[in-house]
Amino acid sequence: RAMMLETVAAVPGMVGGLLLHCKSLRRFEHSGGWIRALLEEAENERMHLMTFMEVSQPRWYERALVFATQGVFFNA
């Protein structure tokens, strides 16, 4: 359960950083440090996920569920 929560928790920071990066490139302006902050938050959540994966050793169907959940959450 914690592993699933950590996989979803990393998505908003990564998507936010990606969208802000693209916006910053289109407008030729600085983001004020927000891109780095959002990507650091996503990296922090990824490290939590790596810790939980070492503890729980997920099976193939759990990994498939993570893949599907991230796909839905990313597009939402």
C-alpha atoms as a PDB file:
ATOM      1  CA  ARG A   1       0.000   0.000   0.000  1.00  0.00           C
ATOM      2  CA  ALA A   2       2.787   2.440   0.882  1.00  0.00           C
ATOM      3  CA  MET A   3       4.583   1.566  -2.337  1.00  0.00           C
ATOM      4  CA  MET A   4       1.501   2.474  -4.406  1.00  0.00           C
ATOM      5  CA  LEU A   5       1.122   5.769  -2.555  1.00  0.00           C
ATOM      6  CA  GLU A   6       4.745   6.696  -3.187  1.00  0.00           C
ATOM      7  CA  THR A   7       4.467   5.968  -6.905  1.00  0.00           C
ATOM      8  CA  VAL A   8       1.480   8.293  -7.220  1.00  0.00           C
ATOM      9  CA  ALA A   9       2.997  10.951  -4.934  1.00  0.00           C
ATOM     10  CA  ALA A  10       5.956  11.434  -7.276  1.00  0.00           C
ATOM     11  CA  VAL A  11       3.832  12.203 -10.337  1.00  0.00           C
ATOM     12  CA  PRO A  12       2.558  15.746  -9.493  1.00  0.00           C
ATOM     13  CA  GLY A  13       6.050  17.132  -8.908  1.00  0.00           C
ATOM     14  CA  MET A  14       7.363  15.617 -12.107  1.00  0.00           C
ATOM     15  CA  VAL A  15       4.406  16.749 -14.211  1.00  0.00           C
ATOM     16  CA  GLY A  16       4.437  20.208 -12.648  1.00  0.00           C
ATOM     17  CA  GLY A  17       8.155  20.568 -13.307  1.00  0.00           C
ATOM     18  CA  LEU A  18       7.716  19.395 -16.889  1.00  0.00           C
ATOM     19  CA  LEU A  19       4.841  21.760 -17.627  1.00  0.00           C
ATOM     20  CA  LEU A  20       6.573  24.716 -15.964  1.00  0.00           C
ATOM     21  CA  HIS A  21       9.768  23.956 -17.886  1.00  0.00           C
ATOM     22  CA  CYS A  22       7.892  23.951 -21.211  1.00  0.00           C
ATOM     23  CA  LYS A  23       6.076  27.171 -20.289  1.00  0.00           C
ATOM     24  CA  SER A  24       9.355  28.819 -19.334  1.00  0.00           C
ATOM     25  CA  LEU A  25      10.913  27.814 -22.667  1.00  0.00           C
ATOM     26  CA  ARG A  26       7.944  29.096 -24.654  1.00  0.00           C
ATOM     27  CA  ARG A  27       7.906  32.467 -22.908  1.00  0.00           C
ATOM     28  CA  PHE A  28      11.702  32.862 -22.659  1.00  0.00           C
ATOM     29  CA  GLU A  29      11.537  33.652 -18.935  1.00  0.00           C
ATOM     30  CA  HIS A  30      12.821  32.220 -15.664  1.00  0.00           C
ATOM     31  CA  SER A  31      10.600  30.132 -13.419  1.00  0.00           C
ATOM     32  CA  GLY A  32      11.914  31.656 -10.204  1.00  0.00           C
ATOM     33  CA  GLY A  33      13.367  28.346  -9.030  1.00  0.00           C
ATOM     34  CA  TRP A  34      10.066  26.454  -9.167  1.00  0.00           C
ATOM     35  CA  ILE A  35      11.205  23.910 -11.743  1.00  0.00           C
ATOM     36  CA  ARG A  36      14.078  22.777  -9.544  1.00  0.00           C
ATOM     37  CA  ALA A  37      11.873  22.666  -6.427  1.00  0.00           C
ATOM     38  CA  LEU A  38       9.235  20.513  -8.141  1.00  0.00           C
ATOM     39  CA  LEU A  39      11.784  18.126  -9.611  1.00  0.00           C
ATOM     40  CA  GLU A  40      13.535  17.809  -6.235  1.00  0.00           C
ATOM     41  CA  GLU A  41      10.197  16.878  -4.662  1.00  0.00           C
ATOM     42  CA  ALA A  42       9.677  14.210  -7.325  1.00  0.00           C
ATOM     43  CA  GLU A  43      13.193  12.887  -6.677  1.00  0.00           C
ATOM     44  CA  ASN A  44      12.485  12.762  -2.940  1.00  0.00           C
ATOM     45  CA  GLU A  45       9.367  10.684  -3.558  1.00  0.00           C
ATOM     46  CA  ARG A  46      11.351   8.416  -5.885  1.00  0.00           C
ATOM     47  CA  MET A  47      13.868   7.753  -3.148  1.00  0.00           C
ATOM     48  CA  HIS A  48      11.037   6.834  -0.776  1.00  0.00           C
ATOM     49  CA  LEU A  49       9.761   4.431  -3.420  1.00  0.00           C
ATOM     50  CA  MET A  50      13.192   2.821  -3.787  1.00  0.00           C
ATOM     51  CA  THR A  51      13.276   2.265  -0.021  1.00  0.00           C
ATOM     52  CA  PHE A  52       9.834   0.649  -0.005  1.00  0.00           C
ATOM     53  CA  MET A  53      10.785  -1.544  -2.968  1.00  0.00           C
ATOM     54  CA  GLU A  54      13.787  -2.886  -1.064  1.00  0.00           C
ATOM     55  CA  VAL A  55      11.562  -3.736   1.883  1.00  0.00           C
ATOM     56  CA  SER A  56       8.564  -5.217   0.049  1.00  0.00           C
ATOM     57  CA  GLN A  57      10.100  -6.821  -3.085  1.00  0.00           C
ATOM     58  CA  PRO A  58       7.093  -6.218  -5.396  1.00  0.00           C
ATOM     59  CA  ARG A  59       5.893  -8.940  -7.734  1.00  0.00           C
ATOM     60  CA  TRP A  60       5.274  -8.527 -11.465  1.00  0.00           C
ATOM     61  CA  TYR A  61       1.551  -7.811 -11.071  1.00  0.00           C
ATOM     62  CA  GLU A  62       2.276  -5.113  -8.475  1.00  0.00           C
ATOM     63  CA  ARG A  63       4.715  -3.495 -10.880  1.00  0.00           C
ATOM     64  CA  ALA A  64       2.077  -3.658 -13.637  1.00  0.00           C
ATOM     65  CA  LEU A  65      -0.436  -2.016 -11.304  1.00  0.00           C
ATOM     66  CA  VAL A  66       2.057   0.781 -10.590  1.00  0.00           C
ATOM     67  CA  PHE A  67       2.594   1.285 -14.322  1.00  0.00           C
ATOM     68  CA  ALA A  68      -1.154   1.501 -14.978  1.00  0.00           C
ATOM     69  CA  THR A  69      -1.794   3.800 -12.002  1.00  0.00           C
ATOM     70  CA  GLN A  70       0.943   6.221 -12.999  1.00  0.00           C
ATOM     71  CA  GLY A  71      -0.354   6.307 -16.571  1.00  0.00           C
ATOM     72  CA  VAL A  72      -3.852   7.210 -15.439  1.00  0.00           C
ATOM     73  CA  PHE A  73      -2.685   9.723 -12.840  1.00  0.00           C
ATOM     74  CA  PHE A  74      -0.231  11.378 -15.261  1.00  0.00           C
ATOM     75  CA  ASN A  75      -2.911  11.889 -17.889  1.00  0.00           C
ATOM     76  CA  ALA A  76      -5.478  13.077 -15.360  1.00  0.00           C
END
